[in-house]
Amino acid sequence: MTTLLDPTRSQVNSLCSIQTTRRARTEALQDDPSEHTTMPRSGADTRRRILQSAHKLFRRRGYARISMDEIASATRVTKRTLYQHFESKDALLSAVLQTHHELALIAFETFSDRLTGAPNEIINALFKALIDWADTPRWAGSGFTRLVIELADLPGHPARTIARRHKAIHEAKLAELFDKAKASRPQELAREVVLLSEGAMLMMLVHRDRSYALAAAKAANKLVRLRRQGS
């Protein structure tokens, strides 16, 4: 599998100016008395907790509305420690998405084991899972999609690159499932189903109406029937 962008690299294309980022990092790295009272923890454990806290905050409130101070507070570390692990908020967001990307692929591999049968059965199972997911508390749709929309004016942002590759891999895996199910033009069908599912998620967020997922599933099944008819 292609290696994604190194999330620790400094990125010029940032939501925050480079000057602001450098100033904040310099201030945070100054000697902080509270740093000496913090219980020592392993670097790996601290990094994991930072990623978990940042993921929750980014997902609930978006990228721009969250500060490094809030992330440090949620993780219960000083800003000095935070900047020792991640040199900027952009680098932290990239690391969060990289981790989430890997976990989501593992989850999809497990879920795809249950996606068997004819193409319409796969489609129905996919959209049923979408409805179940949307019924979970504080559901906010796809985090990758939401962040790409928020970063729409920054095409070179590393988080957008990770999100784009995540969506592409997801589409390719869906095409493999349709190919195994003997669907006509599986790659094309996978793209159409992805479009319908992404559209359904956005409309459900707007209207808080799960029937959009049912309508999307109905449209996808119609595409399968049209293919059988040679249309």
C-alpha atoms as a PDB file:
ATOM      1  CA  MET A   1       0.000   0.000   0.000  1.00  0.00           C
ATOM      2  CA  THR A   2       1.326   3.469  -0.865  1.00  0.00           C
ATOM      3  CA  THR A   3       2.849   5.333   2.030  1.00  0.00           C
ATOM      4  CA  LEU A   4       0.912   8.473   2.858  1.00  0.00           C
ATOM      5  CA  LEU A   5       2.401  11.881   3.517  1.00  0.00           C
ATOM      6  CA  ASP A   6       4.614  12.124   6.539  1.00  0.00           C
ATOM      7  CA  PRO A   7       2.361  14.022   8.964  1.00  0.00           C
ATOM      8  CA  THR A   8       5.308  15.427  10.886  1.00  0.00           C
ATOM      9  CA  ARG A   9       6.663  17.447   7.949  1.00  0.00           C
ATOM     10  CA  SER A  10       6.335  21.207   8.141  1.00  0.00           C
ATOM     11  CA  GLN A  11       3.683  22.450   5.729  1.00  0.00           C
ATOM     12  CA  VAL A  12       3.703  25.956   4.254  1.00  0.00           C
ATOM     13  CA  ASN A  13       0.074  25.699   3.134  1.00  0.00           C
ATOM     14  CA  SER A  14      -1.487  26.202   6.575  1.00  0.00           C
ATOM     15  CA  LEU A  15      -4.722  27.645   7.905  1.00  0.00           C
ATOM     16  CA  CYS A  16      -2.576  29.598  10.346  1.00  0.00           C
ATOM     17  CA  SER A  17       0.261  31.802   9.181  1.00  0.00           C
ATOM     18  CA  ILE A  18       3.772  30.464   9.572  1.00  0.00           C
ATOM     19  CA  GLN A  19       4.639  33.446  11.719  1.00  0.00           C
ATOM     20  CA  THR A  20       1.800  32.712  14.151  1.00  0.00           C
ATOM     21  CA  THR A  21       2.695  29.016  14.320  1.00  0.00           C
ATOM     22  CA  ARG A  22       6.351  29.724  15.029  1.00  0.00           C
ATOM     23  CA  ARG A  23       5.523  32.311  17.689  1.00  0.00           C
ATOM     24  CA  ALA A  24       3.084  29.974  19.458  1.00  0.00           C
ATOM     25  CA  ARG A  25       5.581  27.130  19.361  1.00  0.00           C
ATOM     26  CA  THR A  26       8.396  29.326  20.685  1.00  0.00           C
ATOM     27  CA  GLU A  27       6.247  30.569  23.559  1.00  0.00           C
ATOM     28  CA  ALA A  28       5.126  27.034  24.408  1.00  0.00           C
ATOM     29  CA  LEU A  29       8.691  25.730  24.470  1.00  0.00           C
ATOM     30  CA  GLN A  30       9.806  28.294  27.018  1.00  0.00           C
ATOM     31  CA  ASP A  31      10.367  26.895  30.496  1.00  0.00           C
ATOM     32  CA  ASP A  32       6.966  26.130  32.002  1.00  0.00           C
ATOM     33  CA  PRO A  33       6.885  25.543  35.783  1.00  0.00           C
ATOM     34  CA  SER A  34       3.913  23.198  35.443  1.00  0.00           C
ATOM     35  CA  GLU A  35       6.024  20.974  33.243  1.00  0.00           C
ATOM     36  CA  HIS A  36       8.042  19.933  36.284  1.00  0.00           C
ATOM     37  CA  THR A  37       4.928  18.859  38.199  1.00  0.00           C
ATOM     38  CA  THR A  38       3.507  16.715  35.425  1.00  0.00           C
ATOM     39  CA  MET A  39       3.695  12.980  36.070  1.00  0.00           C
ATOM     40  CA  PRO A  40       6.262  11.390  33.743  1.00  0.00           C
ATOM     41  CA  ARG A  41       4.696   9.318  31.008  1.00  0.00           C
ATOM     42  CA  SER A  42       6.110   7.434  28.082  1.00  0.00           C
ATOM     43  CA  GLY A  43       6.348   9.364  24.849  1.00  0.00           C
ATOM     44  CA  ALA A  44       4.232   6.837  22.985  1.00  0.00           C
ATOM     45  CA  ASP A  45       1.444   6.987  25.547  1.00  0.00           C
ATOM     46  CA  THR A  46       1.447  10.783  25.538  1.00  0.00           C
ATOM     47  CA  ARG A  47       1.322  10.882  21.749  1.00  0.00           C
ATOM     48  CA  ARG A  48      -1.582   8.425  21.734  1.00  0.00           C
ATOM     49  CA  ARG A  49      -3.547  10.508  24.226  1.00  0.00           C
ATOM     50  CA  ILE A  50      -2.896  13.689  22.245  1.00  0.00           C
ATOM     51  CA  LEU A  51      -4.175  12.030  19.072  1.00  0.00           C
ATOM     52  CA  GLN A  52      -7.287  10.755  20.853  1.00  0.00           C
ATOM     53  CA  SER A  53      -8.109  14.160  22.330  1.00  0.00           C
ATOM     54  CA  ALA A  54      -7.443  15.992  19.069  1.00  0.00           C
ATOM     55  CA  HIS A  55      -9.601  13.538  17.126  1.00  0.00           C
ATOM     56  CA  LYS A  56     -12.560  14.083  19.458  1.00  0.00           C
ATOM     57  CA  LEU A  57     -12.222  17.858  19.333  1.00  0.00           C
ATOM     58  CA  PHE A  58     -11.676  18.107  15.569  1.00  0.00           C
ATOM     59  CA  ARG A  59     -14.626  15.798  14.926  1.00  0.00           C
ATOM     60  CA  ARG A  60     -17.004  17.679  17.208  1.00  0.00           C
ATOM     61  CA  ARG A  61     -16.051  21.251  16.374  1.00  0.00           C
ATOM     62  CA  GLY A  62     -13.973  21.238  13.214  1.00  0.00           C
ATOM     63  CA  TYR A  63     -10.385  22.265  12.604  1.00  0.00           C
ATOM     64  CA  ALA A  64     -10.482  26.063  12.691  1.00  0.00           C
ATOM     65  CA  ARG A  65     -12.464  26.324  15.942  1.00  0.00           C
ATOM     66  CA  ILE A  66     -10.001  24.236  17.970  1.00  0.00           C
ATOM     67  CA  SER A  67      -6.781  25.691  19.378  1.00  0.00           C
ATOM     68  CA  MET A  68      -3.634  23.949  20.499  1.00  0.00           C
ATOM     69  CA  ASP A  69      -4.342  25.274  23.997  1.00  0.00           C
ATOM     70  CA  GLU A  70      -7.655  23.387  24.062  1.00  0.00           C
ATOM     71  CA  ILE A  71      -6.008  20.201  22.829  1.00  0.00           C
ATOM     72  CA  ALA A  72      -3.288  20.474  25.470  1.00  0.00           C
ATOM     73  CA  SER A  73      -5.912  21.061  28.153  1.00  0.00           C
ATOM     74  CA  ALA A  74      -8.037  18.114  27.012  1.00  0.00           C
ATOM     75  CA  THR A  75      -4.979  15.854  27.029  1.00  0.00           C
ATOM     76  CA  ARG A  76      -3.750  17.266  30.364  1.00  0.00           C
ATOM     77  CA  VAL A  77      -0.320  18.104  29.053  1.00  0.00           C
ATOM     78  CA  THR A  78       1.459  21.446  28.735  1.00  0.00           C
ATOM     79  CA  LYS A  79       1.767  23.225  25.408  1.00  0.00           C
ATOM     80  CA  ARG A  80       5.495  22.571  25.613  1.00  0.00           C
ATOM     81  CA  THR A  81       4.857  18.809  25.618  1.00  0.00           C
ATOM     82  CA  LEU A  82       2.278  19.158  22.849  1.00  0.00           C
ATOM     83  CA  TYR A  83       4.702  20.988  20.566  1.00  0.00           C
ATOM     84  CA  GLN A  84       7.436  18.489  21.338  1.00  0.00           C
ATOM     85  CA  HIS A  85       5.234  15.826  19.734  1.00  0.00           C
ATOM     86  CA  PHE A  86       3.653  17.924  16.952  1.00  0.00           C
ATOM     87  CA  GLU A  87       5.320  21.036  15.579  1.00  0.00           C
ATOM     88  CA  SER A  88       2.049  22.609  14.380  1.00  0.00           C
ATOM     89  CA  LYS A  89      -1.706  22.147  14.375  1.00  0.00           C
ATOM     90  CA  ASP A  90      -1.468  21.135  10.702  1.00  0.00           C
ATOM     91  CA  ALA A  91       0.983  18.365  11.583  1.00  0.00           C
ATOM     92  CA  LEU A  92      -1.317  17.210  14.389  1.00  0.00           C
ATOM     93  CA  LEU A  93      -4.374  17.141  12.121  1.00  0.00           C
ATOM     94  CA  SER A  94      -2.437  15.115   9.535  1.00  0.00           C
ATOM     95  CA  ALA A  95      -1.370  12.607  12.187  1.00  0.00           C
ATOM     96  CA  VAL A  96      -4.946  12.330  13.462  1.00  0.00           C
ATOM     97  CA  LEU A  97      -6.278  11.603   9.976  1.00  0.00           C
ATOM     98  CA  GLN A  98      -3.480   9.150   9.233  1.00  0.00           C
ATOM     99  CA  THR A  99      -4.311   7.196  12.395  1.00  0.00           C
ATOM    100  CA  HIS A 100      -8.048   7.339  11.700  1.00  0.00           C
ATOM    101  CA  HIS A 101      -7.441   6.252   8.106  1.00  0.00           C
ATOM    102  CA  GLU A 102      -5.611   3.128   9.258  1.00  0.00           C
ATOM    103  CA  LEU A 103      -8.253   2.259  11.865  1.00  0.00           C
ATOM    104  CA  ALA A 104     -11.097   2.852   9.405  1.00  0.00           C
ATOM    105  CA  LEU A 105      -9.526   0.526   6.842  1.00  0.00           C
ATOM    106  CA  ILE A 106      -9.193  -2.216   9.447  1.00  0.00           C
ATOM    107  CA  ALA A 107     -12.835  -1.710  10.420  1.00  0.00           C
ATOM    108  CA  PHE A 108     -13.947  -1.843   6.779  1.00  0.00           C
ATOM    109  CA  GLU A 109     -12.005  -5.057   6.197  1.00  0.00           C
ATOM    110  CA  THR A 110     -13.894  -6.622   9.121  1.00  0.00           C
ATOM    111  CA  PHE A 111     -17.215  -5.230   7.904  1.00  0.00           C
ATOM    112  CA  SER A 112     -16.607  -6.299   4.300  1.00  0.00           C
ATOM    113  CA  ASP A 113     -16.430  -9.925   5.415  1.00  0.00           C
ATOM    114  CA  ARG A 114     -20.194  -9.654   5.931  1.00  0.00           C
ATOM    115  CA  LEU A 115     -20.808  -8.057   2.541  1.00  0.00           C
ATOM    116  CA  THR A 116     -21.557 -11.110   0.451  1.00  0.00           C
ATOM    117  CA  GLY A 117     -24.182 -12.167  -2.040  1.00  0.00           C
ATOM    118  CA  ALA A 118     -25.556 -10.337  -5.058  1.00  0.00           C
ATOM    119  CA  PRO A 119     -24.740  -6.659  -5.756  1.00  0.00           C
ATOM    120  CA  ASN A 120     -28.137  -5.503  -4.452  1.00  0.00           C
ATOM    121  CA  GLU A 121     -27.531  -7.370  -1.172  1.00  0.00           C
ATOM    122  CA  ILE A 122     -24.193  -5.607  -0.764  1.00  0.00           C
ATOM    123  CA  ILE A 123     -25.835  -2.248  -1.474  1.00  0.00           C
ATOM    124  CA  ASN A 124     -28.651  -2.851   1.016  1.00  0.00           C
ATOM    125  CA  ALA A 125     -26.164  -3.893   3.711  1.00  0.00           C
ATOM    126  CA  LEU A 126     -24.017  -0.811   3.088  1.00  0.00           C
ATOM    127  CA  PHE A 127     -26.879   1.646   3.412  1.00  0.00           C
ATOM    128  CA  LYS A 128     -28.353  -0.222   6.370  1.00  0.00           C
ATOM    129  CA  ALA A 129     -24.984   0.227   8.076  1.00  0.00           C
ATOM    130  CA  LEU A 130     -25.059   3.923   7.165  1.00  0.00           C
ATOM    131  CA  ILE A 131     -28.488   4.322   8.785  1.00  0.00           C
ATOM    132  CA  ASP A 132     -27.324   2.484  11.919  1.00  0.00           C
ATOM    133  CA  TRP A 133     -24.228   4.694  12.070  1.00  0.00           C
ATOM    134  CA  ALA A 134     -26.317   7.846  11.653  1.00  0.00           C
ATOM    135  CA  ASP A 135     -28.448   6.792  14.627  1.00  0.00           C
ATOM    136  CA  THR A 136     -25.470   6.903  16.995  1.00  0.00           C
ATOM    137  CA  PRO A 137     -25.306   9.840  19.450  1.00  0.00           C
ATOM    138  CA  ARG A 138     -23.794  13.072  18.095  1.00  0.00           C
ATOM    139  CA  TRP A 139     -23.379  11.623  14.610  1.00  0.00           C
ATOM    140  CA  ALA A 140     -21.696  14.162  12.339  1.00  0.00           C
ATOM    141  CA  GLY A 141     -21.106  12.271   9.095  1.00  0.00           C
ATOM    142  CA  SER A 142     -17.734  11.477   7.596  1.00  0.00           C
ATOM    143  CA  GLY A 143     -14.907  13.269   9.367  1.00  0.00           C
ATOM    144  CA  PHE A 144     -12.763  13.091   6.231  1.00  0.00           C
ATOM    145  CA  THR A 145     -15.449  14.750   4.103  1.00  0.00           C
ATOM    146  CA  ARG A 146     -16.160  17.477   6.663  1.00  0.00           C
ATOM    147  CA  LEU A 147     -12.485  18.391   7.014  1.00  0.00           C
ATOM    148  CA  VAL A 148     -11.923  18.498   3.253  1.00  0.00           C
ATOM    149  CA  ILE A 149     -14.863  20.901   2.947  1.00  0.00           C
ATOM    150  CA  GLU A 150     -13.401  23.034   5.734  1.00  0.00           C
ATOM    151  CA  LEU A 151     -10.018  23.054   3.967  1.00  0.00           C
ATOM    152  CA  ALA A 152     -11.522  23.643   0.509  1.00  0.00           C
ATOM    153  CA  ASP A 153      -9.351  26.714  -0.133  1.00  0.00           C
ATOM    154  CA  LEU A 154      -6.146  24.810   0.715  1.00  0.00           C
ATOM    155  CA  PRO A 155      -5.743  22.159  -2.014  1.00  0.00           C
ATOM    156  CA  GLY A 156      -2.174  21.363  -0.953  1.00  0.00           C
ATOM    157  CA  HIS A 157      -2.945  20.752   2.699  1.00  0.00           C
ATOM    158  CA  PRO A 158      -1.597  17.326   3.802  1.00  0.00           C
ATOM    159  CA  ALA A 159      -4.908  16.465   5.495  1.00  0.00           C
ATOM    160  CA  ARG A 160      -6.668  16.745   2.137  1.00  0.00           C
ATOM    161  CA  THR A 161      -4.124  14.411   0.576  1.00  0.00           C
ATOM    162  CA  ILE A 162      -4.751  11.795   3.279  1.00  0.00           C
ATOM    163  CA  ALA A 163      -8.532  12.185   2.933  1.00  0.00           C
ATOM    164  CA  ARG A 164      -8.339  11.852  -0.859  1.00  0.00           C
ATOM    165  CA  ARG A 165      -6.310   8.651  -0.641  1.00  0.00           C
ATOM    166  CA  HIS A 166      -8.611   7.269   2.059  1.00  0.00           C
ATOM    167  CA  LYS A 167     -11.679   7.800  -0.124  1.00  0.00           C
ATOM    168  CA  ALA A 168      -9.915   6.315  -3.155  1.00  0.00           C
ATOM    169  CA  ILE A 169      -8.931   3.159  -1.253  1.00  0.00           C
ATOM    170  CA  HIS A 170     -12.469   2.805   0.086  1.00  0.00           C
ATOM    171  CA  GLU A 171     -13.868   3.075  -3.448  1.00  0.00           C
ATOM    172  CA  ALA A 172     -11.371   0.523  -4.776  1.00  0.00           C
ATOM    173  CA  LYS A 173     -12.270  -1.974  -2.038  1.00  0.00           C
ATOM    174  CA  LEU A 174     -15.946  -1.517  -2.814  1.00  0.00           C
ATOM    175  CA  ALA A 175     -15.216  -2.189  -6.491  1.00  0.00           C
ATOM    176  CA  GLU A 176     -13.496  -5.438  -5.477  1.00  0.00           C
ATOM    177  CA  LEU A 177     -16.629  -6.517  -3.609  1.00  0.00           C
ATOM    178  CA  PHE A 178     -18.829  -5.771  -6.618  1.00  0.00           C
ATOM    179  CA  ASP A 179     -16.400  -7.601  -8.888  1.00  0.00           C
ATOM    180  CA  LYS A 180     -16.612 -10.702  -6.678  1.00  0.00           C
ATOM    181  CA  ALA A 181     -20.397 -10.378  -6.796  1.00  0.00           C
ATOM    182  CA  LYS A 182     -20.247 -10.466 -10.632  1.00  0.00           C
ATOM    183  CA  ALA A 183     -21.633  -6.950 -10.982  1.00  0.00           C
ATOM    184  CA  SER A 184     -21.505  -5.359 -14.420  1.00  0.00           C
ATOM    185  CA  ARG A 185     -18.758  -2.704 -14.601  1.00  0.00           C
ATOM    186  CA  PRO A 186     -17.854  -2.962 -10.886  1.00  0.00           C
ATOM    187  CA  GLN A 187     -15.527   0.063 -10.791  1.00  0.00           C
ATOM    188  CA  GLU A 188     -18.213   2.273 -12.269  1.00  0.00           C
ATOM    189  CA  LEU A 189     -20.848   0.904  -9.900  1.00  0.00           C
ATOM    190  CA  ALA A 190     -18.562   1.465  -6.897  1.00  0.00           C
ATOM    191  CA  ARG A 191     -18.087   5.113  -7.850  1.00  0.00           C
ATOM    192  CA  GLU A 192     -21.827   5.594  -8.244  1.00  0.00           C
ATOM    193  CA  VAL A 193     -22.532   4.009  -4.852  1.00  0.00           C
ATOM    194  CA  VAL A 194     -19.856   6.179  -3.214  1.00  0.00           C
ATOM    195  CA  LEU A 195     -21.450   9.278  -4.740  1.00  0.00           C
ATOM    196  CA  LEU A 196     -24.867   8.232  -3.474  1.00  0.00           C
ATOM    197  CA  SER A 197     -23.613   7.445   0.026  1.00  0.00           C
ATOM    198  CA  GLU A 198     -21.671  10.709   0.329  1.00  0.00           C
ATOM    199  CA  GLY A 199     -24.698  12.651  -0.905  1.00  0.00           C
ATOM    200  CA  ALA A 200     -26.968  10.801   1.514  1.00  0.00           C
ATOM    201  CA  MET A 201     -24.679  11.632   4.431  1.00  0.00           C
ATOM    202  CA  LEU A 202     -24.660  15.327   3.570  1.00  0.00           C
ATOM    203  CA  MET A 203     -28.448  15.476   3.163  1.00  0.00           C
ATOM    204  CA  MET A 204     -28.962  13.611   6.435  1.00  0.00           C
ATOM    205  CA  LEU A 205     -26.754  16.168   8.162  1.00  0.00           C
ATOM    206  CA  VAL A 206     -28.773  19.008   6.646  1.00  0.00           C
ATOM    207  CA  HIS A 207     -32.251  17.596   7.268  1.00  0.00           C
ATOM    208  CA  ARG A 208     -31.648  15.062  10.063  1.00  0.00           C
ATOM    209  CA  ASP A 209     -33.744  12.689   7.972  1.00  0.00           C
ATOM    210  CA  ARG A 210     -32.552   9.072   7.592  1.00  0.00           C
ATOM    211  CA  SER A 211     -34.872   8.518   4.621  1.00  0.00           C
ATOM    212  CA  TYR A 212     -32.163   9.985   2.370  1.00  0.00           C
ATOM    213  CA  ALA A 213     -30.114   6.827   2.954  1.00  0.00           C
ATOM    214  CA  LEU A 214     -33.113   4.709   1.901  1.00  0.00           C
ATOM    215  CA  ALA A 215     -33.552   6.840  -1.226  1.00  0.00           C
ATOM    216  CA  ALA A 216     -29.849   6.459  -2.040  1.00  0.00           C
ATOM    217  CA  ALA A 217     -30.053   2.674  -1.628  1.00  0.00           C
ATOM    218  CA  LYS A 218     -33.112   2.595  -3.911  1.00  0.00           C
ATOM    219  CA  ALA A 219     -31.254   4.604  -6.566  1.00  0.00           C
ATOM    220  CA  ALA A 220     -28.201   2.328  -6.345  1.00  0.00           C
ATOM    221  CA  ASN A 221     -30.349  -0.779  -6.753  1.00  0.00           C
ATOM    222  CA  LYS A 222     -32.003   0.808  -9.755  1.00  0.00           C
ATOM    223  CA  LEU A 223     -28.585   1.253 -11.355  1.00  0.00           C
ATOM    224  CA  VAL A 224     -27.904  -2.473 -10.822  1.00  0.00           C
ATOM    225  CA  ARG A 225     -31.216  -3.392 -12.482  1.00  0.00           C
ATOM    226  CA  LEU A 226     -30.523  -1.118 -15.442  1.00  0.00           C
ATOM    227  CA  ARG A 227     -27.195  -2.813 -15.956  1.00  0.00           C
ATOM    228  CA  ARG A 228     -28.856  -6.212 -15.996  1.00  0.00           C
ATOM    229  CA  GLN A 229     -31.213  -4.949 -18.655  1.00  0.00           C
ATOM    230  CA  GLY A 230     -28.267  -3.821 -20.743  1.00  0.00           C
ATOM    231  CA  SER A 231     -29.031  -0.119 -20.455  1.00  0.00           C
END
